[in-house]
Amino acid sequence: MTAAVEIYTRPGCGYCSAARSLLTRKKATFTEFDVAKNPSWREEMNDRAGEGSTFPQIWIGSTHIGGCDELYALDREGRLDTMLESVKAVS
């Protein structure tokens, strides 16, 4: 079973920091895959999100959110809290 929220990151990525910050403010528990710590995670991310994907790549449950901009867009639309609550209820 996959974690409720998963995020693939790389060091020095401002978008990765912003996405982690929003998830932390939302008190979302997430699993971070830092590709500097395990290079095979980059290949795994590309397999899941598509070759040439940028950082970060985020999943909430089985839904691929995309990157930081998409995560913040969900929050502005008022949909992020609902998504996070739905995966919290399943965990």
N, C-alpha and C. Protein backbone atom coordinates (compact mmCIF):
# COMPACT_ATOMS: atom_id res chain seq x y z
N MET A 1 0.84 -1.19 0.00
CA MET A 1 0.00 0.00 0.00
C MET A 1 0.88 1.24 0.00
N THR A 2 0.52 2.23 -0.78
CA THR A 2 1.31 3.46 -0.84
C THR A 2 0.91 4.39 0.30
N ALA A 3 1.80 5.30 0.62
CA ALA A 3 1.53 6.29 1.66
C ALA A 3 0.43 7.23 1.18
N ALA A 4 -0.21 7.89 2.11
CA ALA A 4 -1.30 8.79 1.78
C ALA A 4 -0.82 9.95 0.90
N VAL A 5 0.31 10.54 1.24
CA VAL A 5 0.87 11.64 0.45
C VAL A 5 2.34 11.32 0.21
N GLU A 6 2.74 11.39 -1.06
CA GLU A 6 4.13 11.13 -1.43
C GLU A 6 4.64 12.29 -2.27
N ILE A 7 5.89 12.67 -2.02
CA ILE A 7 6.50 13.78 -2.76
C ILE A 7 7.94 13.41 -3.10
N TYR A 8 8.27 13.54 -4.37
CA TYR A 8 9.63 13.32 -4.86
C TYR A 8 10.30 14.68 -4.94
N THR A 9 11.49 14.80 -4.33
CA THR A 9 12.19 16.07 -4.25
C THR A 9 13.65 15.92 -4.64
N ARG A 10 14.30 17.07 -4.79
CA ARG A 10 15.75 17.11 -4.99
C ARG A 10 16.30 18.29 -4.20
N PRO A 11 17.55 18.22 -3.76
CA PRO A 11 18.15 19.32 -2.99
C PRO A 11 18.21 20.61 -3.81
N GLY A 12 18.04 21.73 -3.12
CA GLY A 12 18.16 23.03 -3.75
C GLY A 12 16.96 23.44 -4.58
N CYS A 13 15.89 22.69 -4.51
CA CYS A 13 14.69 22.97 -5.31
C CYS A 13 13.73 23.84 -4.50
N GLY A 14 13.56 25.08 -4.91
CA GLY A 14 12.66 26.00 -4.22
C GLY A 14 11.21 25.54 -4.28
N TYR A 15 10.82 24.95 -5.41
CA TYR A 15 9.44 24.45 -5.54
C TYR A 15 9.20 23.28 -4.59
N CYS A 16 10.22 22.45 -4.41
CA CYS A 16 10.12 21.33 -3.46
C CYS A 16 9.92 21.87 -2.04
N SER A 17 10.70 22.89 -1.68
CA SER A 17 10.57 23.50 -0.36
C SER A 17 9.19 24.11 -0.16
N ALA A 18 8.68 24.78 -1.19
CA ALA A 18 7.36 25.41 -1.10
C ALA A 18 6.26 24.36 -0.95
N ALA A 19 6.37 23.26 -1.67
CA ALA A 19 5.38 22.19 -1.58
C ALA A 19 5.43 21.54 -0.20
N ARG A 20 6.62 21.25 0.29
CA ARG A 20 6.76 20.67 1.64
C ARG A 20 6.18 21.62 2.68
N SER A 21 6.44 22.91 2.52
CA SER A 21 5.95 23.91 3.45
C SER A 21 4.42 23.93 3.51
N LEU A 22 3.77 23.90 2.33
CA LEU A 22 2.30 23.89 2.30
C LEU A 22 1.76 22.62 2.95
N LEU A 23 2.33 21.48 2.62
CA LEU A 23 1.87 20.22 3.22
C LEU A 23 2.05 20.24 4.74
N THR A 24 3.15 20.81 5.20
CA THR A 24 3.41 20.90 6.64
C THR A 24 2.41 21.84 7.30
N ARG A 25 2.13 22.98 6.68
CA ARG A 25 1.13 23.90 7.22
C ARG A 25 -0.25 23.26 7.30
N LYS A 26 -0.53 22.37 6.36
CA LYS A 26 -1.81 21.65 6.34
C LYS A 26 -1.81 20.47 7.31
N LYS A 27 -0.67 20.28 7.99
CA LYS A 27 -0.50 19.16 8.93
C LYS A 27 -0.70 17.81 8.25
N ALA A 28 -0.29 17.75 7.00
CA ALA A 28 -0.38 16.50 6.23
C ALA A 28 0.87 15.67 6.50
N THR A 29 0.67 14.41 6.78
CA THR A 29 1.78 13.48 6.91
C THR A 29 2.16 13.05 5.50
N PHE A 30 3.44 13.17 5.16
CA PHE A 30 3.86 12.78 3.82
C PHE A 30 5.17 12.03 3.87
N THR A 31 5.36 11.22 2.84
CA THR A 31 6.62 10.51 2.65
C THR A 31 7.39 11.23 1.57
N GLU A 32 8.62 11.61 1.90
CA GLU A 32 9.46 12.34 0.95
C GLU A 32 10.50 11.40 0.36
N PHE A 33 10.64 11.44 -0.95
CA PHE A 33 11.64 10.67 -1.67
C PHE A 33 12.65 11.64 -2.24
N ASP A 34 13.76 11.86 -1.52
CA ASP A 34 14.82 12.78 -1.94
C ASP A 34 15.76 11.99 -2.85
N VAL A 35 15.78 12.35 -4.14
CA VAL A 35 16.56 11.58 -5.11
C VAL A 35 18.06 11.67 -4.86
N ALA A 36 18.51 12.65 -4.07
CA ALA A 36 19.93 12.71 -3.73
C ALA A 36 20.30 11.59 -2.76
N LYS A 37 19.35 11.15 -1.98
CA LYS A 37 19.60 10.07 -1.01
C LYS A 37 19.50 8.70 -1.65
N ASN A 38 18.68 8.60 -2.69
CA ASN A 38 18.52 7.32 -3.39
C ASN A 38 18.22 7.62 -4.87
N PRO A 39 19.25 7.58 -5.72
CA PRO A 39 19.07 7.92 -7.13
C PRO A 39 18.02 7.07 -7.86
N SER A 40 17.74 5.87 -7.38
CA SER A 40 16.74 5.04 -8.05
C SER A 40 15.34 5.64 -7.93
N TRP A 41 15.14 6.54 -6.96
CA TRP A 41 13.84 7.19 -6.82
C TRP A 41 13.53 8.10 -8.01
N ARG A 42 14.57 8.63 -8.66
CA ARG A 42 14.32 9.47 -9.86
C ARG A 42 13.69 8.62 -10.96
N GLU A 43 14.24 7.44 -11.18
CA GLU A 43 13.68 6.54 -12.19
C GLU A 43 12.25 6.13 -11.81
N GLU A 44 12.04 5.85 -10.54
CA GLU A 44 10.70 5.50 -10.05
C GLU A 44 9.72 6.65 -10.31
N MET A 45 10.16 7.88 -10.00
CA MET A 45 9.32 9.05 -10.24
C MET A 45 8.99 9.18 -11.73
N ASN A 46 10.00 9.02 -12.59
CA ASN A 46 9.78 9.12 -14.03
C ASN A 46 8.83 8.04 -14.54
N ASP A 47 8.93 6.84 -13.97
CA ASP A 47 8.02 5.76 -14.34
C ASP A 47 6.59 6.11 -13.97
N ARG A 48 6.43 6.74 -12.82
CA ARG A 48 5.08 7.06 -12.33
C ARG A 48 4.51 8.33 -12.98
N ALA A 49 5.35 9.37 -13.13
CA ALA A 49 4.86 10.68 -13.59
C ALA A 49 5.10 10.94 -15.07
N GLY A 50 6.00 10.18 -15.66
CA GLY A 50 6.36 10.41 -17.06
C GLY A 50 7.76 10.94 -17.17
N GLU A 51 8.44 10.46 -18.17
CA GLU A 51 9.83 10.85 -18.42
C GLU A 51 9.91 12.37 -18.58
N GLY A 52 10.94 12.97 -17.99
CA GLY A 52 11.15 14.41 -18.13
C GLY A 52 10.35 15.24 -17.14
N SER A 53 9.73 14.59 -16.16
CA SER A 53 8.96 15.32 -15.15
C SER A 53 9.89 16.20 -14.32
N THR A 54 9.37 17.32 -13.88
CA THR A 54 10.14 18.25 -13.05
C THR A 54 9.89 17.95 -11.58
N PHE A 55 10.67 18.58 -10.73
CA PHE A 55 10.53 18.42 -9.29
C PHE A 55 9.75 19.57 -8.71
N PRO A 56 8.97 19.32 -7.67
CA PRO A 56 8.62 18.02 -7.10
C PRO A 56 7.51 17.34 -7.91
N GLN A 57 7.29 16.09 -7.62
CA GLN A 57 6.11 15.37 -8.13
C GLN A 57 5.39 14.84 -6.90
N ILE A 58 4.07 15.06 -6.88
CA ILE A 58 3.28 14.81 -5.67
C ILE A 58 2.10 13.90 -5.99
N TRP A 59 1.86 12.95 -5.10
CA TRP A 59 0.68 12.09 -5.16
C TRP A 59 -0.07 12.22 -3.85
N ILE A 60 -1.38 12.31 -3.94
CA ILE A 60 -2.25 12.24 -2.77
C ILE A 60 -3.10 11.00 -2.99
N GLY A 61 -2.87 10.00 -2.16
CA GLY A 61 -3.48 8.70 -2.41
C GLY A 61 -2.98 8.19 -3.74
N SER A 62 -3.87 7.72 -4.58
CA SER A 62 -3.46 7.23 -5.90
C SER A 62 -3.53 8.32 -6.97
N THR A 63 -3.88 9.55 -6.57
CA THR A 63 -4.02 10.66 -7.52
C THR A 63 -2.71 11.41 -7.70
N HIS A 64 -2.25 11.48 -8.94
CA HIS A 64 -1.04 12.25 -9.25
C HIS A 64 -1.44 13.72 -9.35
N ILE A 65 -0.94 14.52 -8.44
CA ILE A 65 -1.26 15.94 -8.40
C ILE A 65 -0.45 16.70 -9.44
N GLY A 66 0.80 16.32 -9.58
CA GLY A 66 1.73 17.05 -10.44
C GLY A 66 2.76 17.72 -9.55
N GLY A 67 3.06 18.97 -9.84
CA GLY A 67 4.10 19.68 -9.10
C GLY A 67 3.56 20.69 -8.10
N CYS A 68 4.43 21.59 -7.70
CA CYS A 68 4.12 22.60 -6.69
C CYS A 68 2.98 23.51 -7.14
N ASP A 69 3.04 23.98 -8.38
CA ASP A 69 1.99 24.89 -8.87
C ASP A 69 0.62 24.25 -8.80
N GLU A 70 0.54 22.98 -9.15
CA GLU A 70 -0.75 22.27 -9.12
C GLU A 70 -1.22 22.08 -7.68
N LEU A 71 -0.28 21.83 -6.76
CA LEU A 71 -0.63 21.68 -5.35
C LEU A 71 -1.22 22.98 -4.81
N TYR A 72 -0.57 24.11 -5.10
CA TYR A 72 -1.06 25.40 -4.63
C TYR A 72 -2.39 25.77 -5.31
N ALA A 73 -2.56 25.38 -6.56
CA ALA A 73 -3.83 25.63 -7.26
C ALA A 73 -4.97 24.88 -6.57
N LEU A 74 -4.72 23.63 -6.19
CA LEU A 74 -5.74 22.87 -5.44
C LEU A 74 -6.11 23.58 -4.15
N ASP A 75 -5.11 24.14 -3.48
CA ASP A 75 -5.36 24.85 -2.23
C ASP A 75 -6.20 26.11 -2.49
N ARG A 76 -5.86 26.87 -3.52
CA ARG A 76 -6.63 28.09 -3.85
C ARG A 76 -8.07 27.76 -4.21
N GLU A 77 -8.27 26.61 -4.86
CA GLU A 77 -9.61 26.19 -5.27
C GLU A 77 -10.41 25.59 -4.11
N GLY A 78 -9.75 25.41 -2.95
CA GLY A 78 -10.42 24.83 -1.80
C GLY A 78 -10.56 23.31 -1.86
N ARG A 79 -9.82 22.68 -2.74
CA ARG A 79 -9.94 21.23 -2.91
C ARG A 79 -8.87 20.44 -2.16
N LEU A 80 -7.78 21.08 -1.78
CA LEU A 80 -6.66 20.37 -1.16
C LEU A 80 -7.05 19.78 0.19
N ASP A 81 -7.70 20.56 1.04
CA ASP A 81 -8.07 20.06 2.37
C ASP A 81 -8.94 18.82 2.26
N THR A 82 -9.89 18.82 1.33
CA THR A 82 -10.78 17.67 1.14
C THR A 82 -9.99 16.44 0.72
N MET A 83 -9.05 16.63 -0.21
CA MET A 83 -8.24 15.51 -0.66
C MET A 83 -7.40 14.94 0.48
N LEU A 84 -6.80 15.84 1.27
CA LEU A 84 -5.96 15.39 2.37
C LEU A 84 -6.80 14.68 3.43
N GLU A 85 -7.98 15.18 3.70
CA GLU A 85 -8.86 14.53 4.67
C GLU A 85 -9.30 13.15 4.20
N SER A 86 -9.55 13.03 2.90
CA SER A 86 -10.03 11.74 2.38
C SER A 86 -8.96 10.65 2.50
N VAL A 87 -7.69 11.00 2.29
CA VAL A 87 -6.64 9.98 2.43
C VAL A 87 -6.32 9.73 3.91
N LYS A 88 -6.53 10.74 4.75
CA LYS A 88 -6.30 10.55 6.19
C LYS A 88 -7.33 9.57 6.75
N ALA A 89 -8.56 9.65 6.26
CA ALA A 89 -9.63 8.76 6.72
C ALA A 89 -9.38 7.32 6.32
N VAL A 90 -8.71 7.12 5.18
CA VAL A 90 -8.43 5.77 4.67
C VAL A 90 -7.24 5.15 5.39
N SER A 91 -6.26 5.97 5.81
CA SER A 91 -5.04 5.44 6.43
C SER A 91 -5.29 4.82 7.78
